Amino acid sequence: MLSLASIDNDIIPIIAIGGGLLVAIIAILSGAISNVVRTRSREMTKREVAAYVAEGSISPDDAERLISAGQPHWERGKR
């Protein structure tokens, strides 16, 4: 049976550093995937609203309000 007392003391820091790096890599990848999904869904919404404007279902002013409704105030000026 393997116990902590039988593990060589030199391997513990290696395991700790490796575990920390693994957590950091997972956090970075999940953040990047989250940003990609958020951006894709935002662009899809813009395309759908543009299609409604093109067919005349909603006015361009209403479409602009719909698109900017969920954005923070610092992103509303960007285009």
N, C-alpha and C. Protein backbone atom coordinates (compact mmCIF):
# COMPACT_ATOMS: atom_id res chain seq x y z
N MET A 1 0.84 -1.18 0.00
CA MET A 1 0.00 0.00 0.00
C MET A 1 0.89 1.25 0.00
N LEU A 2 0.48 2.25 -0.75
CA LEU A 2 1.24 3.48 -0.88
C LEU A 2 0.72 4.50 0.13
N SER A 3 1.60 5.07 0.90
CA SER A 3 1.20 6.11 1.85
C SER A 3 2.05 7.35 1.61
N LEU A 4 1.62 8.47 2.20
CA LEU A 4 2.36 9.71 2.01
C LEU A 4 3.76 9.62 2.59
N ALA A 5 3.95 8.81 3.62
CA ALA A 5 5.27 8.67 4.23
C ALA A 5 6.23 7.98 3.29
N SER A 6 5.73 7.15 2.41
CA SER A 6 6.62 6.41 1.52
C SER A 6 6.94 7.16 0.23
N ILE A 7 6.28 8.30 -0.03
CA ILE A 7 6.55 9.09 -1.23
C ILE A 7 7.83 9.90 -1.01
N ASP A 8 8.68 9.90 -1.98
CA ASP A 8 9.94 10.64 -1.90
C ASP A 8 9.64 12.13 -1.76
N ASN A 9 10.39 12.82 -0.91
CA ASN A 9 10.15 14.25 -0.65
C ASN A 9 10.44 15.12 -1.86
N ASP A 10 11.21 14.65 -2.80
CA ASP A 10 11.53 15.44 -3.99
C ASP A 10 10.37 15.50 -4.97
N ILE A 11 9.45 14.57 -4.91
CA ILE A 11 8.37 14.53 -5.89
C ILE A 11 7.18 15.40 -5.47
N ILE A 12 7.07 15.72 -4.22
CA ILE A 12 5.92 16.52 -3.74
C ILE A 12 5.88 17.90 -4.38
N PRO A 13 6.99 18.65 -4.43
CA PRO A 13 6.93 19.96 -5.11
C PRO A 13 6.62 19.84 -6.61
N ILE A 14 7.09 18.79 -7.23
CA ILE A 14 6.82 18.58 -8.65
C ILE A 14 5.32 18.35 -8.88
N ILE A 15 4.73 17.55 -8.01
CA ILE A 15 3.28 17.31 -8.12
C ILE A 15 2.50 18.59 -7.86
N ALA A 16 2.93 19.38 -6.87
CA ALA A 16 2.24 20.64 -6.55
C ALA A 16 2.32 21.63 -7.71
N ILE A 17 3.50 21.79 -8.29
CA ILE A 17 3.67 22.71 -9.41
C ILE A 17 2.89 22.23 -10.62
N GLY A 18 2.97 20.91 -10.88
CA GLY A 18 2.22 20.36 -12.01
C GLY A 18 0.72 20.54 -11.84
N GLY A 19 0.22 20.33 -10.63
CA GLY A 19 -1.20 20.53 -10.37
C GLY A 19 -1.62 21.98 -10.55
N GLY A 20 -0.77 22.89 -10.08
CA GLY A 20 -1.06 24.32 -10.26
C GLY A 20 -1.10 24.73 -11.72
N LEU A 21 -0.14 24.21 -12.47
CA LEU A 21 -0.12 24.52 -13.91
C LEU A 21 -1.33 23.94 -14.63
N LEU A 22 -1.74 22.75 -14.22
CA LEU A 22 -2.91 22.14 -14.83
C LEU A 22 -4.17 22.96 -14.56
N VAL A 23 -4.31 23.44 -13.32
CA VAL A 23 -5.46 24.28 -12.98
C VAL A 23 -5.43 25.58 -13.79
N ALA A 24 -4.25 26.18 -13.92
CA ALA A 24 -4.13 27.42 -14.68
C ALA A 24 -4.47 27.22 -16.15
N ILE A 25 -4.00 26.14 -16.74
CA ILE A 25 -4.29 25.86 -18.15
C ILE A 25 -5.78 25.63 -18.36
N ILE A 26 -6.40 24.89 -17.45
CA ILE A 26 -7.85 24.66 -17.56
C ILE A 26 -8.62 25.96 -17.44
N ALA A 27 -8.19 26.84 -16.52
CA ALA A 27 -8.87 28.12 -16.36
C ALA A 27 -8.73 28.99 -17.60
N ILE A 28 -7.56 29.03 -18.19
CA ILE A 28 -7.34 29.83 -19.40
C ILE A 28 -8.17 29.29 -20.56
N LEU A 29 -8.17 27.98 -20.74
CA LEU A 29 -8.94 27.39 -21.84
C LEU A 29 -10.44 27.61 -21.66
N SER A 30 -10.94 27.45 -20.44
CA SER A 30 -12.37 27.65 -20.23
C SER A 30 -12.76 29.11 -20.43
N GLY A 31 -11.89 30.04 -20.06
CA GLY A 31 -12.16 31.45 -20.32
C GLY A 31 -12.19 31.76 -21.81
N ALA A 32 -11.27 31.18 -22.54
CA ALA A 32 -11.23 31.41 -23.99
C ALA A 32 -12.46 30.82 -24.67
N ILE A 33 -12.85 29.62 -24.28
CA ILE A 33 -14.05 29.00 -24.85
C ILE A 33 -15.28 29.81 -24.52
N SER A 34 -15.36 30.31 -23.30
CA SER A 34 -16.50 31.14 -22.89
C SER A 34 -16.59 32.41 -23.74
N ASN A 35 -15.46 33.05 -24.00
CA ASN A 35 -15.46 34.26 -24.84
C ASN A 35 -15.89 33.95 -26.27
N VAL A 36 -15.44 32.83 -26.81
CA VAL A 36 -15.81 32.46 -28.18
C VAL A 36 -17.32 32.21 -28.26
N VAL A 37 -17.86 31.49 -27.30
CA VAL A 37 -19.30 31.20 -27.31
C VAL A 37 -20.10 32.49 -27.16
N ARG A 38 -19.66 33.38 -26.28
CA ARG A 38 -20.37 34.65 -26.08
C ARG A 38 -20.36 35.49 -27.35
N THR A 39 -19.21 35.57 -27.99
CA THR A 39 -19.09 36.38 -29.22
C THR A 39 -19.93 35.78 -30.35
N ARG A 40 -19.91 34.46 -30.50
CA ARG A 40 -20.69 33.82 -31.56
C ARG A 40 -22.18 34.03 -31.36
N SER A 41 -22.64 33.93 -30.12
CA SER A 41 -24.07 34.12 -29.87
C SER A 41 -24.47 35.57 -30.09
N ARG A 42 -23.59 36.51 -29.74
CA ARG A 42 -23.89 37.92 -29.97
C ARG A 42 -23.99 38.21 -31.46
N GLU A 43 -23.08 37.66 -32.25
CA GLU A 43 -23.11 37.86 -33.70
C GLU A 43 -24.33 37.20 -34.33
N MET A 44 -24.72 36.04 -33.83
CA MET A 44 -25.91 35.37 -34.36
C MET A 44 -27.16 36.21 -34.07
N THR A 45 -27.21 36.79 -32.90
CA THR A 45 -28.35 37.65 -32.57
C THR A 45 -28.39 38.87 -33.48
N LYS A 46 -27.24 39.45 -33.75
CA LYS A 46 -27.20 40.60 -34.66
C LYS A 46 -27.71 40.23 -36.05
N ARG A 47 -27.31 39.03 -36.53
CA ARG A 47 -27.78 38.59 -37.85
C ARG A 47 -29.29 38.37 -37.87
N GLU A 48 -29.81 37.77 -36.80
CA GLU A 48 -31.25 37.53 -36.74
C GLU A 48 -32.03 38.84 -36.69
N VAL A 49 -31.56 39.80 -35.91
CA VAL A 49 -32.23 41.09 -35.83
C VAL A 49 -32.14 41.81 -37.18
N ALA A 50 -31.00 41.70 -37.86
CA ALA A 50 -30.86 42.32 -39.18
C ALA A 50 -31.83 41.69 -40.18
N ALA A 51 -32.07 40.40 -40.06
CA ALA A 51 -33.03 39.75 -40.95
C ALA A 51 -34.45 40.26 -40.69
N TYR A 52 -34.79 40.47 -39.42
CA TYR A 52 -36.11 41.02 -39.10
C TYR A 52 -36.27 42.43 -39.64
N VAL A 53 -35.20 43.22 -39.56
CA VAL A 53 -35.26 44.58 -40.11
C VAL A 53 -35.41 44.51 -41.63
N ALA A 54 -34.70 43.60 -42.28
CA ALA A 54 -34.75 43.49 -43.74
C ALA A 54 -36.14 43.09 -44.22
N GLU A 55 -36.81 42.23 -43.47
CA GLU A 55 -38.15 41.83 -43.90
C GLU A 55 -39.23 42.81 -43.45
N GLY A 56 -38.84 43.80 -42.64
CA GLY A 56 -39.78 44.84 -42.23
C GLY A 56 -40.58 44.52 -40.98
N SER A 57 -40.21 43.48 -40.25
CA SER A 57 -40.95 43.12 -39.04
C SER A 57 -40.72 44.11 -37.91
N ILE A 58 -39.51 44.64 -37.82
CA ILE A 58 -39.21 45.64 -36.79
C ILE A 58 -38.49 46.81 -37.44
N SER A 59 -38.52 47.94 -36.77
CA SER A 59 -37.86 49.13 -37.30
C SER A 59 -36.37 49.10 -36.93
N PRO A 60 -35.55 49.83 -37.68
CA PRO A 60 -34.12 49.88 -37.34
C PRO A 60 -33.85 50.44 -35.95
N ASP A 61 -34.68 51.39 -35.51
CA ASP A 61 -34.50 51.95 -34.17
C ASP A 61 -34.77 50.90 -33.09
N ASP A 62 -35.82 50.09 -33.29
CA ASP A 62 -36.10 49.02 -32.34
C ASP A 62 -34.98 47.97 -32.35
N ALA A 63 -34.45 47.70 -33.52
CA ALA A 63 -33.36 46.72 -33.63
C ALA A 63 -32.12 47.21 -32.89
N GLU A 64 -31.83 48.49 -33.03
CA GLU A 64 -30.67 49.05 -32.32
C GLU A 64 -30.85 48.96 -30.81
N ARG A 65 -32.07 49.22 -30.34
CA ARG A 65 -32.34 49.10 -28.90
C ARG A 65 -32.22 47.65 -28.44
N LEU A 66 -32.68 46.72 -29.25
CA LEU A 66 -32.57 45.30 -28.89
C LEU A 66 -31.12 44.86 -28.78
N ILE A 67 -30.31 45.27 -29.73
CA ILE A 67 -28.92 44.84 -29.75
C ILE A 67 -28.13 45.45 -28.59
N SER A 68 -28.40 46.70 -28.27
CA SER A 68 -27.64 47.36 -27.20
C SER A 68 -28.25 47.15 -25.82
N ALA A 69 -29.33 46.39 -25.71
CA ALA A 69 -30.00 46.23 -24.41
C ALA A 69 -29.15 45.49 -23.39
N GLY A 70 -28.41 44.47 -23.78
CA GLY A 70 -27.66 43.69 -22.82
C GLY A 70 -26.21 44.08 -22.69
N GLN A 71 -25.79 45.12 -23.39
CA GLN A 71 -24.38 45.50 -23.37
C GLN A 71 -24.09 46.48 -22.25
N PRO A 72 -22.91 46.41 -21.67
CA PRO A 72 -22.50 47.43 -20.71
C PRO A 72 -22.34 48.78 -21.40
N HIS A 73 -22.40 49.84 -20.65
CA HIS A 73 -22.37 51.18 -21.26
C HIS A 73 -21.06 51.45 -21.99
N TRP A 74 -19.95 50.82 -21.58
CA TRP A 74 -18.67 51.08 -22.25
C TRP A 74 -18.55 50.35 -23.59
N GLU A 75 -19.45 49.40 -23.87
CA GLU A 75 -19.41 48.70 -25.16
C GLU A 75 -20.45 49.23 -26.15
N ARG A 76 -21.35 50.05 -25.71
CA ARG A 76 -22.44 50.51 -26.59
C ARG A 76 -21.94 51.41 -27.71
N GLY A 77 -20.85 52.12 -27.51
CA GLY A 77 -20.34 53.03 -28.54
C GLY A 77 -19.53 52.32 -29.60
N LYS A 78 -19.07 51.09 -29.34
CA LYS A 78 -18.25 50.34 -30.30
C LYS A 78 -19.08 49.80 -31.44
N ARG A 79 -18.50 49.79 -32.63
CA ARG A 79 -19.18 49.20 -33.79
C ARG A 79 -18.18 48.61 -34.72
